[in-house]
Amino acid sequence: MSKMDETYSNPFEDNMDVNPFATAAPKAMSPPVVSAQPVAAPPPPSSFNPFAAPAAPAASPAAISASTPVITPAPAPLVTDSSLAAREAELQRRLAELEARERVAAEVARTGEKPKNWPVCYPLTRHAIDEDIGDPVARRMVKFTYYAYLLHLVALTLNMVGALAILVSSMQSGVDTTAGSNFGI
């Protein structure tokens, strides 16, 4: 037997002499501590009546009414017709929004695609970055790219307007009387 075999033991082999669930021998219990002061015994349960009226000192009704505060109910909030009409209008508006959302949800469930919403004037495609992209980092990157694209479109539009203005204008000084030669025309 080698030195390694002597120090190595398999943790998965059956070893019947070790029982992890064995309890230790019970310890001797210490006697309970008894207080030196006597404790009054509670009344027997048969003498208790939960429905009995509590014992009250005898007093005249005038003394009782003078010492007890008068409890008045809180005034009911005043409900006017205008507040009811405002509430009803708010409920009707919320109901219309809910019905519209339900129609959109039914349409999405029926066709499997969400409604088109961009551009607002004539919806051609769906554009909802906040709804469609869940990861905040990716959402930020997509929004940045979208705004860069819009800036690029504005720059191209201004470039086209400026080039068209140069094309149709004539030069006031110089040999060429038309600006079209600047563009190779």
N, C-alpha and C. Protein backbone atom coordinates (compact mmCIF):
# COMPACT_ATOMS: atom_id res chain seq x y z
N MET A 1 0.83 -1.17 0.00
CA MET A 1 0.00 0.00 0.00
C MET A 1 0.89 1.25 0.00
N SER A 2 0.56 2.20 -0.84
CA SER A 2 1.40 3.39 -0.94
C SER A 2 0.96 4.42 0.10
N LYS A 3 1.77 5.46 0.19
CA LYS A 3 1.50 6.52 1.16
C LYS A 3 0.22 7.25 0.80
N MET A 4 -0.07 7.40 -0.50
CA MET A 4 -1.28 8.09 -0.92
C MET A 4 -2.52 7.31 -0.54
N ASP A 5 -2.46 6.00 -0.62
CA ASP A 5 -3.62 5.19 -0.26
C ASP A 5 -3.94 5.30 1.22
N GLU A 6 -2.94 5.51 2.05
CA GLU A 6 -3.17 5.61 3.49
C GLU A 6 -3.88 6.92 3.85
N THR A 7 -3.57 8.06 3.18
CA THR A 7 -4.16 9.35 3.53
C THR A 7 -5.44 9.63 2.77
N TYR A 8 -5.70 8.90 1.70
CA TYR A 8 -6.87 9.17 0.88
C TYR A 8 -8.02 8.30 1.35
N SER A 9 -9.15 8.93 1.51
CA SER A 9 -10.36 8.16 1.82
C SER A 9 -11.46 8.65 0.89
N ASN A 10 -12.26 7.74 0.41
CA ASN A 10 -13.33 8.05 -0.52
C ASN A 10 -14.53 8.56 0.28
N PRO A 11 -15.00 9.77 0.00
CA PRO A 11 -16.14 10.28 0.77
C PRO A 11 -17.45 9.60 0.40
N PHE A 12 -17.48 8.85 -0.72
CA PHE A 12 -18.72 8.22 -1.16
C PHE A 12 -18.81 6.74 -0.82
N GLU A 13 -17.81 6.21 -0.20
CA GLU A 13 -17.86 4.79 0.14
C GLU A 13 -18.76 4.57 1.35
N ASP A 14 -19.32 3.39 1.43
CA ASP A 14 -20.21 3.07 2.54
C ASP A 14 -19.40 2.91 3.82
N ASN A 15 -19.67 3.77 4.75
CA ASN A 15 -18.97 3.75 6.03
C ASN A 15 -20.06 3.66 7.09
N MET A 16 -20.32 2.50 7.61
CA MET A 16 -21.45 2.28 8.49
C MET A 16 -21.20 2.75 9.93
N ASP A 17 -19.96 3.01 10.30
CA ASP A 17 -19.71 3.41 11.68
C ASP A 17 -19.99 4.89 11.94
N VAL A 18 -20.26 5.72 10.91
CA VAL A 18 -20.57 7.13 11.10
C VAL A 18 -22.02 7.36 10.69
N ASN A 19 -22.84 7.85 11.62
CA ASN A 19 -24.23 8.15 11.34
C ASN A 19 -24.45 9.64 11.58
N PRO A 20 -24.65 10.40 10.53
CA PRO A 20 -24.80 11.84 10.72
C PRO A 20 -26.11 12.21 11.41
N PHE A 21 -27.07 11.28 11.45
CA PHE A 21 -28.35 11.58 12.05
C PHE A 21 -28.47 11.11 13.50
N ALA A 22 -27.40 10.58 14.02
CA ALA A 22 -27.44 10.11 15.40
C ALA A 22 -27.49 11.32 16.34
N THR A 23 -28.29 11.20 17.38
CA THR A 23 -28.39 12.29 18.35
C THR A 23 -27.43 12.04 19.50
N ALA A 24 -27.01 13.10 20.08
CA ALA A 24 -26.11 12.98 21.22
C ALA A 24 -26.92 12.50 22.43
N ALA A 25 -26.27 12.01 23.41
CA ALA A 25 -26.95 11.55 24.61
C ALA A 25 -27.64 12.73 25.28
N PRO A 26 -28.84 12.52 25.79
CA PRO A 26 -29.55 13.65 26.41
C PRO A 26 -28.82 14.13 27.66
N LYS A 27 -28.84 15.44 27.83
CA LYS A 27 -28.19 16.04 28.99
C LYS A 27 -29.17 16.04 30.16
N ALA A 28 -28.62 16.04 31.34
CA ALA A 28 -29.47 16.08 32.53
C ALA A 28 -30.14 17.44 32.61
N MET A 29 -31.42 17.44 32.91
CA MET A 29 -32.16 18.70 32.97
C MET A 29 -32.00 19.32 34.35
N SER A 30 -31.92 20.62 34.36
CA SER A 30 -31.82 21.33 35.63
C SER A 30 -33.21 21.49 36.21
N PRO A 31 -33.35 21.54 37.51
CA PRO A 31 -34.68 21.68 38.12
C PRO A 31 -35.24 23.07 37.83
N PRO A 32 -36.56 23.21 37.71
CA PRO A 32 -37.15 24.50 37.42
C PRO A 32 -36.95 25.47 38.57
N VAL A 33 -36.87 26.76 38.22
CA VAL A 33 -36.69 27.80 39.22
C VAL A 33 -38.06 28.20 39.74
N VAL A 34 -38.21 28.19 41.05
CA VAL A 34 -39.49 28.55 41.66
C VAL A 34 -39.31 29.88 42.37
N SER A 35 -40.24 30.82 42.11
CA SER A 35 -40.12 32.12 42.75
C SER A 35 -40.63 32.04 44.17
N ALA A 36 -40.14 32.92 45.01
CA ALA A 36 -40.51 32.92 46.42
C ALA A 36 -41.82 33.65 46.66
N GLN A 37 -42.29 34.48 45.70
CA GLN A 37 -43.52 35.22 45.90
C GLN A 37 -44.71 34.38 45.46
N PRO A 38 -45.76 34.37 46.27
CA PRO A 38 -46.94 33.59 45.88
C PRO A 38 -47.68 34.30 44.74
N VAL A 39 -48.23 33.51 43.83
CA VAL A 39 -48.97 34.03 42.70
C VAL A 39 -50.44 33.71 42.93
N ALA A 40 -51.29 34.71 42.70
CA ALA A 40 -52.73 34.50 42.88
C ALA A 40 -53.24 33.60 41.79
N ALA A 41 -54.09 32.67 42.16
CA ALA A 41 -54.66 31.74 41.20
C ALA A 41 -55.74 32.45 40.41
N PRO A 42 -55.83 32.19 39.10
CA PRO A 42 -56.88 32.83 38.31
C PRO A 42 -58.24 32.26 38.70
N PRO A 43 -59.32 33.00 38.43
CA PRO A 43 -60.64 32.48 38.77
C PRO A 43 -60.96 31.27 37.90
N PRO A 44 -61.76 30.38 38.40
CA PRO A 44 -62.09 29.19 37.61
C PRO A 44 -62.89 29.59 36.36
N PRO A 45 -62.73 28.86 35.26
CA PRO A 45 -63.42 29.23 34.02
C PRO A 45 -64.93 29.19 34.14
N SER A 46 -65.46 28.40 35.03
CA SER A 46 -66.91 28.30 35.14
C SER A 46 -67.53 29.59 35.68
N SER A 47 -66.74 30.42 36.39
CA SER A 47 -67.31 31.64 36.96
C SER A 47 -67.23 32.83 36.00
N PHE A 48 -66.58 32.66 34.86
CA PHE A 48 -66.43 33.78 33.92
C PHE A 48 -67.62 33.83 32.98
N ASN A 49 -68.24 35.00 32.86
CA ASN A 49 -69.35 35.21 31.94
C ASN A 49 -69.00 36.38 31.04
N PRO A 50 -68.70 36.13 29.77
CA PRO A 50 -68.29 37.23 28.89
C PRO A 50 -69.45 38.18 28.55
N PHE A 51 -70.69 37.74 28.79
CA PHE A 51 -71.83 38.57 28.43
C PHE A 51 -72.38 39.36 29.60
N ALA A 52 -71.78 39.21 30.75
CA ALA A 52 -72.28 39.93 31.92
C ALA A 52 -71.89 41.40 31.81
N ALA A 53 -72.74 42.27 32.31
CA ALA A 53 -72.46 43.70 32.29
C ALA A 53 -71.37 43.99 33.30
N PRO A 54 -70.42 44.85 32.96
CA PRO A 54 -69.36 45.16 33.93
C PRO A 54 -69.93 45.94 35.11
N ALA A 55 -69.34 45.71 36.23
CA ALA A 55 -69.80 46.40 37.44
C ALA A 55 -69.42 47.86 37.33
N ALA A 56 -70.39 48.75 37.51
CA ALA A 56 -70.16 50.18 37.41
C ALA A 56 -70.59 50.83 38.71
N PRO A 57 -69.93 51.91 39.09
CA PRO A 57 -70.35 52.60 40.31
C PRO A 57 -71.70 53.27 40.07
N ALA A 58 -72.48 53.30 41.09
CA ALA A 58 -73.81 53.92 40.98
C ALA A 58 -73.64 55.42 40.90
N ALA A 59 -74.25 56.02 39.89
CA ALA A 59 -74.19 57.47 39.73
C ALA A 59 -75.50 57.92 39.12
N SER A 60 -75.78 59.18 39.28
CA SER A 60 -77.03 59.70 38.74
C SER A 60 -76.91 59.89 37.24
N PRO A 61 -78.02 59.81 36.51
CA PRO A 61 -77.95 59.99 35.06
C PRO A 61 -77.44 61.37 34.66
N ALA A 62 -77.69 62.40 35.47
CA ALA A 62 -77.20 63.73 35.13
C ALA A 62 -75.69 63.78 35.19
N ALA A 63 -75.10 63.11 36.18
CA ALA A 63 -73.64 63.09 36.31
C ALA A 63 -73.02 62.31 35.15
N ILE A 64 -73.68 61.25 34.74
CA ILE A 64 -73.14 60.45 33.63
C ILE A 64 -73.20 61.25 32.34
N SER A 65 -74.31 61.91 32.06
CA SER A 65 -74.42 62.64 30.80
C SER A 65 -73.49 63.84 30.76
N ALA A 66 -73.20 64.43 31.90
CA ALA A 66 -72.31 65.59 31.91
C ALA A 66 -70.86 65.18 31.72
N SER A 67 -70.49 63.98 32.17
CA SER A 67 -69.09 63.58 32.09
C SER A 67 -68.75 62.88 30.78
N THR A 68 -69.72 62.32 30.10
CA THR A 68 -69.41 61.62 28.86
C THR A 68 -69.49 62.58 27.68
N PRO A 69 -68.54 62.49 26.78
CA PRO A 69 -68.57 63.38 25.62
C PRO A 69 -69.64 62.94 24.62
N VAL A 70 -70.14 63.89 23.90
CA VAL A 70 -71.14 63.59 22.89
C VAL A 70 -70.41 63.27 21.59
N ILE A 71 -70.70 62.13 21.03
CA ILE A 71 -70.05 61.70 19.80
C ILE A 71 -71.03 61.92 18.66
N THR A 72 -70.63 62.74 17.74
CA THR A 72 -71.48 63.01 16.58
C THR A 72 -70.83 62.40 15.35
N PRO A 73 -71.60 61.88 14.44
CA PRO A 73 -71.01 61.31 13.23
C PRO A 73 -70.40 62.40 12.36
N ALA A 74 -69.40 62.00 11.59
CA ALA A 74 -68.73 62.96 10.70
C ALA A 74 -69.73 63.39 9.63
N PRO A 75 -69.67 64.66 9.26
CA PRO A 75 -70.61 65.11 8.23
C PRO A 75 -70.31 64.43 6.90
N ALA A 76 -71.36 64.08 6.21
CA ALA A 76 -71.20 63.45 4.91
C ALA A 76 -70.64 64.47 3.92
N PRO A 77 -69.74 64.04 3.04
CA PRO A 77 -69.20 65.00 2.07
C PRO A 77 -70.32 65.47 1.15
N LEU A 78 -70.27 66.74 0.86
CA LEU A 78 -71.29 67.32 0.01
C LEU A 78 -71.03 66.90 -1.43
N VAL A 79 -72.00 66.25 -2.03
CA VAL A 79 -71.89 65.80 -3.40
C VAL A 79 -72.82 66.69 -4.23
N THR A 80 -72.22 67.42 -5.12
CA THR A 80 -73.01 68.31 -5.96
C THR A 80 -73.18 67.68 -7.33
N ASP A 81 -74.07 68.25 -8.09
CA ASP A 81 -74.32 67.74 -9.43
C ASP A 81 -73.10 67.94 -10.33
N SER A 82 -72.38 69.04 -10.12
CA SER A 82 -71.21 69.29 -10.96
C SER A 82 -70.10 68.28 -10.68
N SER A 83 -69.90 67.92 -9.39
CA SER A 83 -68.87 66.93 -9.08
C SER A 83 -69.28 65.55 -9.60
N LEU A 84 -70.58 65.24 -9.53
CA LEU A 84 -71.04 63.98 -10.10
C LEU A 84 -70.86 63.96 -11.61
N ALA A 85 -71.15 65.07 -12.26
CA ALA A 85 -70.98 65.15 -13.71
C ALA A 85 -69.50 65.02 -14.09
N ALA A 86 -68.62 65.63 -13.30
CA ALA A 86 -67.18 65.54 -13.57
C ALA A 86 -66.70 64.11 -13.39
N ARG A 87 -67.18 63.46 -12.34
CA ARG A 87 -66.81 62.05 -12.11
C ARG A 87 -67.30 61.17 -13.25
N GLU A 88 -68.52 61.40 -13.65
CA GLU A 88 -69.09 60.58 -14.73
C GLU A 88 -68.33 60.80 -16.03
N ALA A 89 -67.96 62.05 -16.33
CA ALA A 89 -67.19 62.32 -17.54
C ALA A 89 -65.83 61.64 -17.48
N GLU A 90 -65.20 61.67 -16.32
CA GLU A 90 -63.90 61.00 -16.15
C GLU A 90 -64.05 59.49 -16.35
N LEU A 91 -65.11 58.91 -15.79
CA LEU A 91 -65.34 57.48 -15.95
C LEU A 91 -65.62 57.13 -17.41
N GLN A 92 -66.38 57.97 -18.12
CA GLN A 92 -66.66 57.73 -19.53
C GLN A 92 -65.37 57.81 -20.36
N ARG A 93 -64.49 58.75 -20.04
CA ARG A 93 -63.23 58.88 -20.76
C ARG A 93 -62.35 57.65 -20.52
N ARG A 94 -62.28 57.22 -19.26
CA ARG A 94 -61.48 56.03 -18.94
C ARG A 94 -62.05 54.78 -19.59
N LEU A 95 -63.39 54.70 -19.65
CA LEU A 95 -64.03 53.55 -20.29
C LEU A 95 -63.72 53.54 -21.79
N ALA A 96 -63.74 54.71 -22.43
CA ALA A 96 -63.41 54.78 -23.86
C ALA A 96 -61.95 54.37 -24.10
N GLU A 97 -61.03 54.81 -23.23
CA GLU A 97 -59.62 54.42 -23.37
C GLU A 97 -59.47 52.91 -23.21
N LEU A 98 -60.18 52.34 -22.23
CA LEU A 98 -60.11 50.90 -21.99
C LEU A 98 -60.64 50.13 -23.19
N GLU A 99 -61.75 50.58 -23.76
CA GLU A 99 -62.31 49.90 -24.93
C GLU A 99 -61.36 50.00 -26.12
N ALA A 100 -60.71 51.15 -26.29
CA ALA A 100 -59.75 51.29 -27.39
C ALA A 100 -58.56 50.35 -27.19
N ARG A 101 -58.06 50.25 -25.96
CA ARG A 101 -56.95 49.33 -25.69
C ARG A 101 -57.37 47.88 -25.92
N GLU A 102 -58.62 47.55 -25.54
CA GLU A 102 -59.11 46.19 -25.76
C GLU A 102 -59.23 45.88 -27.26
N ARG A 103 -59.68 46.87 -28.06
CA ARG A 103 -59.76 46.66 -29.50
C ARG A 103 -58.37 46.43 -30.09
N VAL A 104 -57.39 47.22 -29.66
CA VAL A 104 -56.01 47.04 -30.15
C VAL A 104 -55.48 45.68 -29.73
N ALA A 105 -55.74 45.28 -28.48
CA ALA A 105 -55.26 43.97 -28.01
C ALA A 105 -55.92 42.84 -28.79
N ALA A 106 -57.22 42.98 -29.09
CA ALA A 106 -57.90 41.95 -29.88
C ALA A 106 -57.34 41.89 -31.30
N GLU A 107 -57.03 43.05 -31.89
CA GLU A 107 -56.45 43.10 -33.23
C GLU A 107 -55.06 42.47 -33.23
N VAL A 108 -54.26 42.75 -32.21
CA VAL A 108 -52.93 42.15 -32.10
C VAL A 108 -53.05 40.64 -31.95
N ALA A 109 -54.01 40.19 -31.13
CA ALA A 109 -54.18 38.75 -30.94
C ALA A 109 -54.66 38.09 -32.23
N ARG A 110 -55.47 38.79 -33.01
CA ARG A 110 -56.01 38.21 -34.24
C ARG A 110 -54.95 38.16 -35.34
N THR A 111 -54.24 39.26 -35.55
CA THR A 111 -53.28 39.32 -36.65
C THR A 111 -51.86 38.96 -36.24
N GLY A 112 -51.52 39.15 -34.99
CA GLY A 112 -50.17 38.85 -34.52
C GLY A 112 -49.20 39.99 -34.66
N GLU A 113 -49.64 41.14 -35.14
CA GLU A 113 -48.74 42.30 -35.26
C GLU A 113 -49.39 43.52 -34.62
N LYS A 114 -48.55 44.38 -34.10
CA LYS A 114 -49.03 45.59 -33.43
C LYS A 114 -49.36 46.64 -34.48
N PRO A 115 -50.25 47.59 -34.14
CA PRO A 115 -50.67 48.58 -35.14
C PRO A 115 -49.55 49.55 -35.51
N LYS A 116 -49.62 50.06 -36.73
CA LYS A 116 -48.65 51.04 -37.22
C LYS A 116 -48.93 52.39 -36.58
N ASN A 117 -47.87 53.12 -36.24
CA ASN A 117 -48.07 54.39 -35.53
C ASN A 117 -47.09 55.50 -35.95
N TRP A 118 -46.30 55.31 -37.02
CA TRP A 118 -45.34 56.33 -37.38
C TRP A 118 -45.27 56.46 -38.89
N PRO A 119 -45.21 57.63 -39.45
CA PRO A 119 -45.36 58.95 -38.87
C PRO A 119 -46.81 59.19 -38.44
N VAL A 120 -47.00 60.14 -37.58
CA VAL A 120 -48.31 60.37 -36.98
C VAL A 120 -49.33 60.80 -38.04
N CYS A 121 -48.88 61.58 -39.01
CA CYS A 121 -49.82 62.11 -40.01
C CYS A 121 -50.34 61.00 -40.93
N TYR A 122 -49.53 60.00 -41.25
CA TYR A 122 -49.94 58.91 -42.12
C TYR A 122 -49.15 57.67 -41.70
N PRO A 123 -49.66 56.87 -40.76
CA PRO A 123 -48.89 55.75 -40.22
C PRO A 123 -48.52 54.72 -41.29
N LEU A 124 -47.24 54.52 -41.45
CA LEU A 124 -46.73 53.54 -42.41
C LEU A 124 -46.06 52.36 -41.71
N THR A 125 -45.50 52.58 -40.55
CA THR A 125 -44.75 51.53 -39.87
C THR A 125 -44.92 51.68 -38.37
N ARG A 126 -44.46 50.68 -37.65
CA ARG A 126 -44.53 50.70 -36.19
C ARG A 126 -43.24 51.27 -35.65
N HIS A 127 -43.36 52.22 -34.71
CA HIS A 127 -42.19 52.84 -34.10
C HIS A 127 -42.50 53.09 -32.63
N ALA A 128 -42.00 52.22 -31.76
CA ALA A 128 -42.20 52.38 -30.32
C ALA A 128 -40.96 51.82 -29.62
N ILE A 129 -39.94 52.64 -29.50
CA ILE A 129 -38.67 52.19 -28.93
C ILE A 129 -38.86 51.79 -27.47
N ASP A 130 -39.61 52.58 -26.71
CA ASP A 130 -39.77 52.29 -25.28
C ASP A 130 -40.52 50.98 -25.04
N GLU A 131 -41.45 50.62 -25.92
CA GLU A 131 -42.23 49.39 -25.74
C GLU A 131 -41.50 48.17 -26.30
N ASP A 132 -40.83 48.33 -27.43
CA ASP A 132 -40.28 47.18 -28.13
C ASP A 132 -38.91 46.75 -27.66
N ILE A 133 -38.14 47.64 -27.06
CA ILE A 133 -36.78 47.30 -26.64
C ILE A 133 -36.74 47.32 -25.12
N GLY A 134 -36.48 46.17 -24.52
CA GLY A 134 -36.56 46.03 -23.07
C GLY A 134 -35.30 46.45 -22.33
N ASP A 135 -34.14 46.19 -22.88
CA ASP A 135 -32.88 46.48 -22.19
C ASP A 135 -32.64 48.00 -22.19
N PRO A 136 -32.43 48.63 -21.02
CA PRO A 136 -32.25 50.08 -20.98
C PRO A 136 -31.02 50.56 -21.75
N VAL A 137 -29.94 49.79 -21.72
CA VAL A 137 -28.74 50.21 -22.44
C VAL A 137 -28.98 50.17 -23.95
N ALA A 138 -29.61 49.09 -24.42
CA ALA A 138 -29.92 48.98 -25.84
C ALA A 138 -30.94 50.03 -26.26
N ARG A 139 -31.92 50.31 -25.40
CA ARG A 139 -32.92 51.33 -25.70
C ARG A 139 -32.26 52.69 -25.89
N ARG A 140 -31.30 53.01 -25.01
CA ARG A 140 -30.60 54.29 -25.11
C ARG A 140 -29.80 54.37 -26.41
N MET A 141 -29.15 53.26 -26.78
CA MET A 141 -28.36 53.24 -28.00
C MET A 141 -29.26 53.38 -29.24
N VAL A 142 -30.41 52.72 -29.24
CA VAL A 142 -31.32 52.80 -30.38
C VAL A 142 -31.89 54.21 -30.50
N LYS A 143 -32.23 54.83 -29.36
CA LYS A 143 -32.72 56.21 -29.41
C LYS A 143 -31.66 57.16 -29.94
N PHE A 144 -30.41 56.98 -29.51
CA PHE A 144 -29.32 57.83 -30.00
C PHE A 144 -29.16 57.66 -31.51
N THR A 145 -29.20 56.41 -31.98
CA THR A 145 -29.07 56.15 -33.41
C THR A 145 -30.24 56.76 -34.18
N TYR A 146 -31.44 56.68 -33.63
CA TYR A 146 -32.62 57.25 -34.28
C TYR A 146 -32.49 58.76 -34.39
N TYR A 147 -32.07 59.41 -33.31
CA TYR A 147 -31.91 60.87 -33.36
C TYR A 147 -30.78 61.28 -34.31
N ALA A 148 -29.72 60.50 -34.38
CA ALA A 148 -28.64 60.78 -35.33
C ALA A 148 -29.16 60.63 -36.76
N TYR A 149 -30.02 59.65 -37.00
CA TYR A 149 -30.61 59.47 -38.32
C TYR A 149 -31.49 60.66 -38.69
N LEU A 150 -32.30 61.14 -37.73
CA LEU A 150 -33.14 62.31 -38.00
C LEU A 150 -32.30 63.54 -38.28
N LEU A 151 -31.21 63.73 -37.56
CA LEU A 151 -30.31 64.85 -37.81
C LEU A 151 -29.68 64.75 -39.20
N HIS A 152 -29.33 63.54 -39.61
CA HIS A 152 -28.77 63.32 -40.94
C HIS A 152 -29.80 63.66 -42.01
N LEU A 153 -31.06 63.28 -41.79
CA LEU A 153 -32.11 63.63 -42.76
C LEU A 153 -32.29 65.14 -42.88
N VAL A 154 -32.22 65.85 -41.76
CA VAL A 154 -32.33 67.31 -41.79
C VAL A 154 -31.16 67.90 -42.56
N ALA A 155 -29.96 67.40 -42.35
CA ALA A 155 -28.78 67.91 -43.06
C ALA A 155 -28.89 67.65 -44.55
N LEU A 156 -29.34 66.47 -44.96
CA LEU A 156 -29.50 66.17 -46.38
C LEU A 156 -30.57 67.05 -47.02
N THR A 157 -31.64 67.32 -46.29
CA THR A 157 -32.71 68.17 -46.81
C THR A 157 -32.19 69.60 -47.01
N LEU A 158 -31.47 70.12 -46.03
CA LEU A 158 -30.90 71.47 -46.18
C LEU A 158 -29.90 71.52 -47.34
N ASN A 159 -29.11 70.46 -47.51
CA ASN A 159 -28.16 70.40 -48.59
C ASN A 159 -28.88 70.42 -49.94
N MET A 160 -29.97 69.66 -50.04
CA MET A 160 -30.71 69.62 -51.29
C MET A 160 -31.35 70.98 -51.60
N VAL A 161 -31.92 71.63 -50.58
CA VAL A 161 -32.53 72.95 -50.78
C VAL A 161 -31.47 73.96 -51.21
N GLY A 162 -30.32 73.94 -50.57
CA GLY A 162 -29.25 74.88 -50.92
C GLY A 162 -28.72 74.62 -52.32
N ALA A 163 -28.52 73.36 -52.71
CA ALA A 163 -28.02 73.05 -54.05
C ALA A 163 -29.04 73.45 -55.11
N LEU A 164 -30.31 73.25 -54.83
CA LEU A 164 -31.36 73.64 -55.77
C LEU A 164 -31.41 75.16 -55.92
N ALA A 165 -31.20 75.87 -54.84
CA ALA A 165 -31.19 77.34 -54.91
C ALA A 165 -30.02 77.83 -55.74
N ILE A 166 -28.86 77.22 -55.62
CA ILE A 166 -27.69 77.61 -56.42
C ILE A 166 -27.92 77.27 -57.88
N LEU A 167 -28.56 76.14 -58.15
CA LEU A 167 -28.78 75.69 -59.50
C LEU A 167 -29.69 76.64 -60.28
N VAL A 168 -30.73 77.13 -59.64
CA VAL A 168 -31.69 77.96 -60.36
C VAL A 168 -31.30 79.44 -60.36
N SER A 169 -30.38 79.84 -59.53
CA SER A 169 -29.99 81.25 -59.52
C SER A 169 -28.91 81.49 -60.57
N SER A 170 -28.77 82.71 -60.97
CA SER A 170 -27.72 83.06 -61.94
C SER A 170 -26.64 83.83 -61.21
N MET A 171 -25.44 83.74 -61.72
CA MET A 171 -24.31 84.45 -61.12
C MET A 171 -24.37 85.91 -61.55
N GLN A 172 -24.12 86.79 -60.65
CA GLN A 172 -24.17 88.22 -60.96
C GLN A 172 -22.83 88.71 -61.53
N SER A 173 -21.75 88.09 -61.12
CA SER A 173 -20.44 88.52 -61.64
C SER A 173 -19.71 87.30 -62.16
N GLY A 174 -18.88 87.49 -63.09
CA GLY A 174 -18.11 86.39 -63.63
C GLY A 174 -18.50 86.09 -65.06
N VAL A 175 -17.87 85.08 -65.62
CA VAL A 175 -18.06 84.75 -67.02
C VAL A 175 -19.38 84.02 -67.25
N ASP A 176 -19.67 83.06 -66.35
CA ASP A 176 -20.88 82.26 -66.54
C ASP A 176 -22.10 83.05 -66.13
N THR A 177 -23.10 83.00 -66.92
CA THR A 177 -24.35 83.66 -66.56
C THR A 177 -25.34 82.69 -65.94
N THR A 178 -25.02 81.43 -66.02
CA THR A 178 -25.89 80.43 -65.37
C THR A 178 -25.07 79.66 -64.36
N ALA A 179 -25.71 79.30 -63.31
CA ALA A 179 -25.00 78.56 -62.26
C ALA A 179 -25.03 77.07 -62.52
N GLY A 180 -25.72 76.64 -63.57
CA GLY A 180 -25.80 75.22 -63.89
C GLY A 180 -24.45 74.62 -64.24
N SER A 181 -23.53 75.44 -64.72
CA SER A 181 -22.22 74.91 -65.07
C SER A 181 -21.43 74.49 -63.83
N ASN A 182 -21.79 75.02 -62.69
CA ASN A 182 -21.13 74.59 -61.45
C ASN A 182 -21.44 73.13 -61.13
N PHE A 183 -22.58 72.66 -61.61
CA PHE A 183 -22.99 71.28 -61.34
C PHE A 183 -22.70 70.36 -62.51
N GLY A 184 -22.05 70.84 -63.52
CA GLY A 184 -21.70 70.01 -64.66
C GLY A 184 -22.80 69.91 -65.69
N ILE A 185 -23.73 70.83 -65.68
CA ILE A 185 -24.84 70.76 -66.64
C ILE A 185 -24.55 71.65 -67.81
